[in-house]
Protein backbone atom coordinates (compact mmCIF):
# COMPACT_ATOMS: atom_id res chain seq x y z
CA UNK A 1 0.00 0.00 0.00
CA UNK A 2 1.30 3.43 -0.89
CA UNK A 3 1.42 6.48 1.33
CA UNK A 4 -1.17 8.12 -0.94
CA UNK A 5 -3.56 5.21 -0.39
CA UNK A 6 -3.05 5.43 3.37
CA UNK A 7 -3.80 9.16 3.32
CA UNK A 8 -6.93 8.57 1.27
CA UNK A 9 -8.04 5.88 3.74
CA UNK A 10 -7.41 8.28 6.64
CA UNK A 11 -9.54 11.01 5.07
CA UNK A 12 -12.34 8.57 4.17
CA UNK A 13 -12.32 7.08 7.67
CA UNK A 14 -12.36 10.51 9.28
CA UNK A 15 -15.62 11.41 7.50
CA UNK A 16 -17.10 7.97 8.08
CA UNK A 17 -16.36 8.03 11.84
CA UNK A 18 -17.90 11.48 12.24
CA UNK A 19 -21.08 10.42 10.47
CA UNK A 20 -21.28 7.00 12.16
CA UNK A 21 -21.08 8.57 15.61
CA UNK A 22 -23.47 11.41 14.77
CA UNK A 23 -20.91 14.13 15.43
CA UNK A 24 -21.30 17.59 13.98
CA UNK A 25 -18.42 19.10 12.05
CA UNK A 26 -17.99 21.57 14.92
CA UNK A 27 -17.68 18.78 17.51
CA UNK A 28 -15.34 16.66 15.37
CA UNK A 29 -13.09 19.64 14.67
CA UNK A 30 -12.95 20.34 18.42
CA UNK A 31 -12.06 16.70 19.17
CA UNK A 32 -9.23 16.84 16.64
CA UNK A 33 -8.05 20.33 17.59
CA UNK A 34 -8.46 21.70 14.06
CA UNK A 35 -10.59 24.31 12.34
CA UNK A 36 -13.88 23.35 10.75
CA UNK A 37 -12.49 24.49 7.39
CA UNK A 38 -9.60 22.02 7.78
CA UNK A 39 -12.03 19.23 8.64
CA UNK A 40 -14.14 20.11 5.60
CA UNK A 41 -11.05 19.91 3.37
CA UNK A 42 -10.06 16.55 4.84
CA UNK A 43 -13.53 15.12 4.37
CA UNK A 44 -13.44 16.21 0.73
CA UNK A 45 -10.13 14.37 0.31
CA UNK A 46 -8.03 17.53 0.13
CA UNK A 47 -5.06 17.07 2.41
CA UNK A 48 -3.72 20.38 3.75
CA UNK A 49 -0.03 21.09 3.23
CA UNK A 50 0.55 20.78 6.97
CA UNK A 51 -1.44 18.54 9.25
CA UNK A 52 -0.17 18.03 12.79
CA UNK A 53 0.42 14.45 13.88
CA UNK A 54 -1.75 15.23 16.90
CA UNK A 55 -4.80 15.05 14.62
CA UNK A 56 -4.10 11.38 13.94
CA UNK A 57 -3.39 10.72 17.62
CA UNK A 58 -6.61 12.42 18.76
CA UNK A 59 -8.62 10.41 16.25
CA UNK A 60 -7.02 7.12 17.32
CA UNK A 61 -7.52 7.84 21.03
CA UNK A 62 -11.08 9.15 20.75
CA UNK A 63 -12.29 6.16 18.71
CA UNK A 64 -9.89 3.54 20.19
CA UNK A 65 -8.26 2.77 16.84
CA UNK A 66 -4.82 1.54 15.87
CA UNK A 67 -2.83 3.30 13.15
CA UNK A 68 -3.22 0.20 11.00
CA UNK A 69 -7.02 0.22 11.31
CA UNK A 70 -7.20 3.91 10.46
CA UNK A 71 -4.81 3.82 7.49
CA UNK A 72 -4.96 0.35 5.94
CA UNK A 73 -8.50 0.39 4.57
CA UNK A 74 -12.02 1.68 4.97
CA UNK A 75 -13.35 1.11 8.46
CA UNK A 76 -16.84 0.36 7.19
CA UNK A 77 -15.41 -2.61 5.25
CA UNK A 78 -13.43 -4.11 8.12
CA UNK A 79 -14.83 -6.99 10.22
PDB file of N, CA and C in Angstrom:
ATOM      1  N   UNK A   1       0.843  -1.173   0.000  1.00  0.00           N
ATOM      2  CA  UNK A   1       0.000   0.000   0.000  1.00  0.00           C
ATOM      3  C   UNK A   1       0.895   1.244   0.000  1.00  0.00           C
ATOM      4  N   UNK A   2       0.508   2.206  -0.786  1.00  0.00           N
ATOM      5  CA  UNK A   2       1.303   3.428  -0.893  1.00  0.00           C
ATOM      6  C   UNK A   2       0.879   4.441   0.170  1.00  0.00           C
ATOM      7  N   UNK A   3       1.737   5.402   0.392  1.00  0.00           N
ATOM      8  CA  UNK A   3       1.423   6.485   1.325  1.00  0.00           C
ATOM      9  C   UNK A   3       0.172   7.232   0.872  1.00  0.00           C
ATOM     10  N   UNK A   4       0.024   7.435  -0.415  1.00  0.00           N
ATOM     11  CA  UNK A   4      -1.165   8.119  -0.939  1.00  0.00           C
ATOM     12  C   UNK A   4      -2.430   7.350  -0.594  1.00  0.00           C
ATOM     13  N   UNK A   5      -2.399   6.029  -0.727  1.00  0.00           N
ATOM     14  CA  UNK A   5      -3.565   5.213  -0.386  1.00  0.00           C
ATOM     15  C   UNK A   5      -3.882   5.313   1.104  1.00  0.00           C
ATOM     16  N   UNK A   6      -2.839   5.311   1.931  1.00  0.00           N
ATOM     17  CA  UNK A   6      -3.046   5.431   3.374  1.00  0.00           C
ATOM     18  C   UNK A   6      -3.674   6.779   3.724  1.00  0.00           C
ATOM     19  N   UNK A   7      -3.216   7.842   3.085  1.00  0.00           N
ATOM     20  CA  UNK A   7      -3.797   9.163   3.323  1.00  0.00           C
ATOM     21  C   UNK A   7      -5.255   9.215   2.880  1.00  0.00           C
ATOM     22  N   UNK A   8      -5.551   8.612   1.751  1.00  0.00           N
ATOM     23  CA  UNK A   8      -6.931   8.565   1.265  1.00  0.00           C
ATOM     24  C   UNK A   8      -7.812   7.772   2.228  1.00  0.00           C
ATOM     25  N   UNK A   9      -7.296   6.664   2.754  1.00  0.00           N
ATOM     26  CA  UNK A   9      -8.045   5.885   3.741  1.00  0.00           C
ATOM     27  C   UNK A   9      -8.293   6.712   4.996  1.00  0.00           C
ATOM     28  N   UNK A  10      -7.276   7.427   5.460  1.00  0.00           N
ATOM     29  CA  UNK A  10      -7.413   8.278   6.643  1.00  0.00           C
ATOM     30  C   UNK A  10      -8.535   9.289   6.447  1.00  0.00           C
ATOM     31  N   UNK A  11      -8.543   9.975   5.308  1.00  0.00           N
ATOM     32  CA  UNK A  11      -9.542  11.013   5.067  1.00  0.00           C
ATOM     33  C   UNK A  11     -10.947  10.404   4.934  1.00  0.00           C
ATOM     34  N   UNK A  12     -11.053   9.262   4.281  1.00  0.00           N
ATOM     35  CA  UNK A  12     -12.336   8.569   4.170  1.00  0.00           C
ATOM     36  C   UNK A  12     -12.831   8.186   5.560  1.00  0.00           C
ATOM     37  N   UNK A  13     -11.950   7.565   6.348  1.00  0.00           N
ATOM     38  CA  UNK A  13     -12.324   7.080   7.672  1.00  0.00           C
ATOM     39  C   UNK A  13     -12.695   8.226   8.613  1.00  0.00           C
ATOM     40  N   UNK A  14     -12.044   9.343   8.471  1.00  0.00           N
ATOM     41  CA  UNK A  14     -12.365  10.513   9.283  1.00  0.00           C
ATOM     42  C   UNK A  14     -13.831  10.912   9.072  1.00  0.00           C
ATOM     43  N   UNK A  15     -14.232  11.043   7.824  1.00  0.00           N
ATOM     44  CA  UNK A  15     -15.618  11.409   7.501  1.00  0.00           C
ATOM     45  C   UNK A  15     -16.582  10.316   7.953  1.00  0.00           C
ATOM     46  N   UNK A  16     -16.227   9.070   7.726  1.00  0.00           N
ATOM     47  CA  UNK A  16     -17.098   7.966   8.085  1.00  0.00           C
ATOM     48  C   UNK A  16     -17.320   7.906   9.594  1.00  0.00           C
ATOM     49  N   UNK A  17     -16.245   8.065  10.379  1.00  0.00           N
ATOM     50  CA  UNK A  17     -16.360   8.034  11.836  1.00  0.00           C
ATOM     51  C   UNK A  17     -17.251   9.160  12.351  1.00  0.00           C
ATOM     52  N   UNK A  18     -17.091  10.347  11.794  1.00  0.00           N
ATOM     53  CA  UNK A  18     -17.898  11.483  12.236  1.00  0.00           C
ATOM     54  C   UNK A  18     -19.373  11.193  11.996  1.00  0.00           C
ATOM     55  N   UNK A  19     -19.681  10.691  10.816  1.00  0.00           N
ATOM     56  CA  UNK A  19     -21.079  10.423  10.473  1.00  0.00           C
ATOM     57  C   UNK A  19     -21.628   9.244  11.280  1.00  0.00           C
ATOM     58  N   UNK A  20     -20.841   8.197  11.429  1.00  0.00           N
ATOM     59  CA  UNK A  20     -21.280   7.001  12.161  1.00  0.00           C
ATOM     60  C   UNK A  20     -21.629   7.336  13.601  1.00  0.00           C
ATOM     61  N   UNK A  21     -20.869   8.220  14.202  1.00  0.00           N
ATOM     62  CA  UNK A  21     -21.079   8.566  15.606  1.00  0.00           C
ATOM     63  C   UNK A  21     -21.972   9.797  15.790  1.00  0.00           C
ATOM     64  N   UNK A  22     -22.529  10.294  14.693  1.00  0.00           N
ATOM     65  CA  UNK A  22     -23.467  11.406  14.769  1.00  0.00           C
ATOM     66  C   UNK A  22     -22.865  12.701  15.278  1.00  0.00           C
ATOM     67  N   UNK A  23     -21.586  12.915  14.973  1.00  0.00           N
ATOM     68  CA  UNK A  23     -20.908  14.127  15.431  1.00  0.00           C
ATOM     69  C   UNK A  23     -21.044  15.243  14.402  1.00  0.00           C
ATOM     70  N   UNK A  24     -21.271  16.433  14.882  1.00  0.00           N
ATOM     71  CA  UNK A  24     -21.298  17.590  13.984  1.00  0.00           C
ATOM     72  C   UNK A  24     -19.872  17.892  13.541  1.00  0.00           C
ATOM     73  N   UNK A  25     -19.752  18.682  12.494  1.00  0.00           N
ATOM     74  CA  UNK A  25     -18.415  19.100  12.054  1.00  0.00           C
ATOM     75  C   UNK A  25     -17.739  19.930  13.149  1.00  0.00           C
ATOM     76  N   UNK A  26     -18.533  20.743  13.833  1.00  0.00           N
ATOM     77  CA  UNK A  26     -17.986  21.570  14.917  1.00  0.00           C
ATOM     78  C   UNK A  26     -17.406  20.697  16.023  1.00  0.00           C
ATOM     79  N   UNK A  27     -18.147  19.668  16.427  1.00  0.00           N
ATOM     80  CA  UNK A  27     -17.680  18.775  17.506  1.00  0.00           C
ATOM     81  C   UNK A  27     -16.457  17.988  17.063  1.00  0.00           C
ATOM     82  N   UNK A  28     -16.480  17.446  15.847  1.00  0.00           N
ATOM     83  CA  UNK A  28     -15.338  16.656  15.365  1.00  0.00           C
ATOM     84  C   UNK A  28     -14.093  17.527  15.264  1.00  0.00           C
ATOM     85  N   UNK A  29     -14.238  18.736  14.766  1.00  0.00           N
ATOM     86  CA  UNK A  29     -13.088  19.641  14.674  1.00  0.00           C
ATOM     87  C   UNK A  29     -12.526  19.920  16.067  1.00  0.00           C
ATOM     88  N   UNK A  30     -13.403  20.099  17.044  1.00  0.00           N
ATOM     89  CA  UNK A  30     -12.946  20.341  18.416  1.00  0.00           C
ATOM     90  C   UNK A  30     -12.206  19.129  18.975  1.00  0.00           C
ATOM     91  N   UNK A  31     -12.721  17.926  18.720  1.00  0.00           N
ATOM     92  CA  UNK A  31     -12.061  16.698  19.169  1.00  0.00           C
ATOM     93  C   UNK A  31     -10.651  16.611  18.602  1.00  0.00           C
ATOM     94  N   UNK A  32     -10.513  16.972  17.326  1.00  0.00           N
ATOM     95  CA  UNK A  32      -9.226  16.842  16.644  1.00  0.00           C
ATOM     96  C   UNK A  32      -8.311  18.046  16.843  1.00  0.00           C
ATOM     97  N   UNK A  33      -8.862  19.131  17.381  1.00  0.00           N
ATOM     98  CA  UNK A  33      -8.053  20.333  17.589  1.00  0.00           C
ATOM     99  C   UNK A  33      -7.725  21.060  16.301  1.00  0.00           C
ATOM    100  N   UNK A  34      -8.673  21.025  15.349  1.00  0.00           N
ATOM    101  CA  UNK A  34      -8.463  21.698  14.063  1.00  0.00           C
ATOM    102  C   UNK A  34      -9.657  22.607  13.767  1.00  0.00           C
ATOM    103  N   UNK A  35      -9.502  23.439  12.773  1.00  0.00           N
ATOM    104  CA  UNK A  35     -10.592  24.311  12.343  1.00  0.00           C
ATOM    105  C   UNK A  35     -11.607  23.513  11.537  1.00  0.00           C
ATOM    106  N   UNK A  36     -12.835  24.007  11.536  1.00  0.00           N
ATOM    107  CA  UNK A  36     -13.881  23.354  10.745  1.00  0.00           C
ATOM    108  C   UNK A  36     -13.502  23.357   9.269  1.00  0.00           C
ATOM    109  N   UNK A  37     -12.887  24.432   8.806  1.00  0.00           N
ATOM    110  CA  UNK A  37     -12.490  24.487   7.388  1.00  0.00           C
ATOM    111  C   UNK A  37     -11.465  23.401   7.057  1.00  0.00           C
ATOM    112  N   UNK A  38     -10.578  23.092   7.989  1.00  0.00           N
ATOM    113  CA  UNK A  38      -9.604  22.016   7.778  1.00  0.00           C
ATOM    114  C   UNK A  38     -10.312  20.670   7.743  1.00  0.00           C
ATOM    115  N   UNK A  39     -11.257  20.472   8.644  1.00  0.00           N
ATOM    116  CA  UNK A  39     -12.033  19.233   8.642  1.00  0.00           C
ATOM    117  C   UNK A  39     -12.791  19.081   7.333  1.00  0.00           C
ATOM    118  N   UNK A  40     -13.414  20.157   6.871  1.00  0.00           N
ATOM    119  CA  UNK A  40     -14.139  20.107   5.596  1.00  0.00           C
ATOM    120  C   UNK A  40     -13.215  19.692   4.453  1.00  0.00           C
ATOM    121  N   UNK A  41     -12.018  20.267   4.420  1.00  0.00           N
ATOM    122  CA  UNK A  41     -11.050  19.913   3.374  1.00  0.00           C
ATOM    123  C   UNK A  41     -10.680  18.431   3.458  1.00  0.00           C
ATOM    124  N   UNK A  42     -10.423  17.961   4.671  1.00  0.00           N
ATOM    125  CA  UNK A  42     -10.059  16.553   4.842  1.00  0.00           C
ATOM    126  C   UNK A  42     -11.180  15.632   4.383  1.00  0.00           C
ATOM    127  N   UNK A  43     -12.404  15.974   4.755  1.00  0.00           N
ATOM    128  CA  UNK A  43     -13.529  15.120   4.373  1.00  0.00           C
ATOM    129  C   UNK A  43     -13.771  15.131   2.869  1.00  0.00           C
ATOM    130  N   UNK A  44     -13.340  16.168   2.188  1.00  0.00           N
ATOM    131  CA  UNK A  44     -13.442  16.210   0.727  1.00  0.00           C
ATOM    132  C   UNK A  44     -12.261  15.506   0.067  1.00  0.00           C
ATOM    133  N   UNK A  45     -11.293  15.046   0.865  1.00  0.00           N
ATOM    134  CA  UNK A  45     -10.130  14.368   0.313  1.00  0.00           C
ATOM    135  C   UNK A  45      -9.011  15.301  -0.080  1.00  0.00           C
ATOM    136  N   UNK A  46      -9.041  16.516   0.444  1.00  0.00           N
ATOM    137  CA  UNK A  46      -8.031  17.526   0.135  1.00  0.00           C
ATOM    138  C   UNK A  46      -7.117  17.686   1.346  1.00  0.00           C
ATOM    139  N   UNK A  47      -5.981  17.044   1.291  1.00  0.00           N
ATOM    140  CA  UNK A  47      -5.055  17.068   2.414  1.00  0.00           C
ATOM    141  C   UNK A  47      -4.328  18.401   2.481  1.00  0.00           C
ATOM    142  N   UNK A  48      -4.440  19.106   3.609  1.00  0.00           N
ATOM    143  CA  UNK A  48      -3.717  20.375   3.749  1.00  0.00           C
ATOM    144  C   UNK A  48      -2.208  20.144   3.677  1.00  0.00           C
ATOM    145  N   UNK A  49      -1.487  21.194   3.339  1.00  0.00           N
ATOM    146  CA  UNK A  49      -0.031  21.087   3.227  1.00  0.00           C
ATOM    147  C   UNK A  49       0.594  20.647   4.548  1.00  0.00           C
ATOM    148  N   UNK A  50       0.046  21.157   5.647  1.00  0.00           N
ATOM    149  CA  UNK A  50       0.547  20.784   6.974  1.00  0.00           C
ATOM    150  C   UNK A  50      -0.618  20.276   7.803  1.00  0.00           C
ATOM    151  N   UNK A  51      -0.443  19.105   8.361  1.00  0.00           N
ATOM    152  CA  UNK A  51      -1.443  18.541   9.249  1.00  0.00           C
ATOM    153  C   UNK A  51      -0.703  17.946  10.441  1.00  0.00           C
ATOM    154  N   UNK A  52      -0.905  18.512  11.618  1.00  0.00           N
ATOM    155  CA  UNK A  52      -0.166  18.025  12.790  1.00  0.00           C
ATOM    156  C   UNK A  52      -0.445  16.553  13.079  1.00  0.00           C
ATOM    157  N   UNK A  53       0.565  15.863  13.525  1.00  0.00           N
ATOM    158  CA  UNK A  53       0.423  14.448  13.882  1.00  0.00           C
ATOM    159  C   UNK A  53      -0.588  14.268  15.005  1.00  0.00           C
ATOM    160  N   UNK A  54      -0.799  15.312  15.795  1.00  0.00           N
ATOM    161  CA  UNK A  54      -1.749  15.231  16.899  1.00  0.00           C
ATOM    162  C   UNK A  54      -3.161  14.912  16.403  1.00  0.00           C
ATOM    163  N   UNK A  55      -3.475  15.331  15.175  1.00  0.00           N
ATOM    164  CA  UNK A  55      -4.803  15.046  14.615  1.00  0.00           C
ATOM    165  C   UNK A  55      -5.008  13.534  14.545  1.00  0.00           C
ATOM    166  N   UNK A  56      -4.031  12.838  14.041  1.00  0.00           N
ATOM    167  CA  UNK A  56      -4.100  11.384  13.944  1.00  0.00           C
ATOM    168  C   UNK A  56      -4.182  10.760  15.339  1.00  0.00           C
ATOM    169  N   UNK A  57      -3.386  11.258  16.259  1.00  0.00           N
ATOM    170  CA  UNK A  57      -3.388  10.725  17.624  1.00  0.00           C
ATOM    171  C   UNK A  57      -4.728  10.949  18.308  1.00  0.00           C
ATOM    172  N   UNK A  58      -5.299  12.142  18.166  1.00  0.00           N
ATOM    173  CA  UNK A  58      -6.614  12.420  18.763  1.00  0.00           C
ATOM    174  C   UNK A  58      -7.668  11.476  18.195  1.00  0.00           C
ATOM    175  N   UNK A  59      -7.643  11.276  16.900  1.00  0.00           N
ATOM    176  CA  UNK A  59      -8.616  10.408  16.252  1.00  0.00           C
ATOM    177  C   UNK A  59      -8.478   8.968  16.757  1.00  0.00           C
ATOM    178  N   UNK A  60      -7.251   8.479  16.853  1.00  0.00           N
ATOM    179  CA  UNK A  60      -7.018   7.118  17.320  1.00  0.00           C
ATOM    180  C   UNK A  60      -7.458   6.960  18.774  1.00  0.00           C
ATOM    181  N   UNK A  61      -7.145   7.935  19.611  1.00  0.00           N
ATOM    182  CA  UNK A  61      -7.516   7.840  21.034  1.00  0.00           C
ATOM    183  C   UNK A  61      -9.023   7.946  21.228  1.00  0.00           C
ATOM    184  N   UNK A  62      -9.649   8.903  20.568  1.00  0.00           N
ATOM    185  CA  UNK A  62     -11.078   9.151  20.752  1.00  0.00           C
ATOM    186  C   UNK A  62     -11.910   7.930  20.341  1.00  0.00           C
ATOM    187  N   UNK A  63     -11.518   7.282  19.243  1.00  0.00           N
ATOM    188  CA  UNK A  63     -12.290   6.163  18.713  1.00  0.00           C
ATOM    189  C   UNK A  63     -11.639   4.804  18.984  1.00  0.00           C
ATOM    190  N   UNK A  64     -10.593   4.782  19.810  1.00  0.00           N
ATOM    191  CA  UNK A  64      -9.886   3.541  20.186  1.00  0.00           C
ATOM    192  C   UNK A  64      -9.457   2.740  18.961  1.00  0.00           C
ATOM    193  N   UNK A  65      -8.727   3.397  18.078  1.00  0.00           N
ATOM    194  CA  UNK A  65      -8.256   2.765  16.844  1.00  0.00           C
ATOM    195  C   UNK A  65      -6.742   2.650  16.826  1.00  0.00           C
ATOM    196  N   UNK A  66      -6.254   1.665  16.100  1.00  0.00           N
ATOM    197  CA  UNK A  66      -4.816   1.543  15.871  1.00  0.00           C
ATOM    198  C   UNK A  66      -4.479   2.300  14.595  1.00  0.00           C
ATOM    199  N   UNK A  67      -3.215   2.673  14.418  1.00  0.00           N
ATOM    200  CA  UNK A  67      -2.833   3.300  13.151  1.00  0.00           C
ATOM    201  C   UNK A  67      -3.173   2.414  11.959  1.00  0.00           C
ATOM    202  N   UNK A  68      -2.949   1.124  12.098  1.00  0.00           N
ATOM    203  CA  UNK A  68      -3.224   0.203  10.997  1.00  0.00           C
ATOM    204  C   UNK A  68      -4.707   0.222  10.613  1.00  0.00           C
ATOM    205  N   UNK A  69      -5.579   0.209  11.596  1.00  0.00           N
ATOM    206  CA  UNK A  69      -7.021   0.224  11.309  1.00  0.00           C
ATOM    207  C   UNK A  69      -7.420   1.510  10.600  1.00  0.00           C
ATOM    208  N   UNK A  70      -6.831   2.611  11.014  1.00  0.00           N
ATOM    209  CA  UNK A  70      -7.195   3.906  10.464  1.00  0.00           C
ATOM    210  C   UNK A  70      -6.642   4.133   9.063  1.00  0.00           C
ATOM    211  N   UNK A  71      -5.494   3.537   8.751  1.00  0.00           N
ATOM    212  CA  UNK A  71      -4.805   3.818   7.494  1.00  0.00           C
ATOM    213  C   UNK A  71      -4.870   2.703   6.448  1.00  0.00           C
ATOM    214  N   UNK A  72      -5.127   1.471   6.877  1.00  0.00           N
ATOM    215  CA  UNK A  72      -4.957   0.346   5.945  1.00  0.00           C
ATOM    216  C   UNK A  72      -6.172   0.054   5.072  1.00  0.00           C
ATOM    217  N   UNK A  73      -7.302   0.629   5.381  1.00  0.00           N
ATOM    218  CA  UNK A  73      -8.496   0.387   4.575  1.00  0.00           C
ATOM    219  C   UNK A  73      -9.655   1.203   5.097  1.00  0.00           C
ATOM    220  N   UNK A  74     -10.809   0.978   4.528  1.00  0.00           N
ATOM    221  CA  UNK A  74     -12.017   1.683   4.970  1.00  0.00           C
ATOM    222  C   UNK A  74     -12.606   0.976   6.164  1.00  0.00           C
ATOM    223  N   UNK A  75     -12.844   1.705   7.231  1.00  0.00           N
ATOM    224  CA  UNK A  75     -13.349   1.106   8.462  1.00  0.00           C
ATOM    225  C   UNK A  75     -14.698   0.427   8.265  1.00  0.00           C
ATOM    226  N   UNK A  76     -15.524   0.959   7.381  1.00  0.00           N
ATOM    227  CA  UNK A  76     -16.842   0.362   7.189  1.00  0.00           C
ATOM    228  C   UNK A  76     -16.768  -0.966   6.419  1.00  0.00           C
ATOM    229  N   UNK A  77     -15.598  -1.332   5.952  1.00  0.00           N
ATOM    230  CA  UNK A  77     -15.414  -2.606   5.248  1.00  0.00           C
ATOM    231  C   UNK A  77     -14.644  -3.621   6.075  1.00  0.00           C
ATOM    232  N   UNK A  78     -14.212  -3.214   7.270  1.00  0.00           N
ATOM    233  CA  UNK A  78     -13.429  -4.111   8.121  1.00  0.00           C
ATOM    234  C   UNK A  78     -14.345  -4.882   9.049  1.00  0.00           C
ATOM    235  N   UNK A  79     -13.978  -6.146   9.352  1.00  0.00           N
ATOM    236  CA  UNK A  79     -14.827  -6.986  10.221  1.00  0.00           C
ATOM    237  C   UNK A  79     -14.899  -6.467  11.635  1.00  0.00           C
TER     238      UNK A  79
END
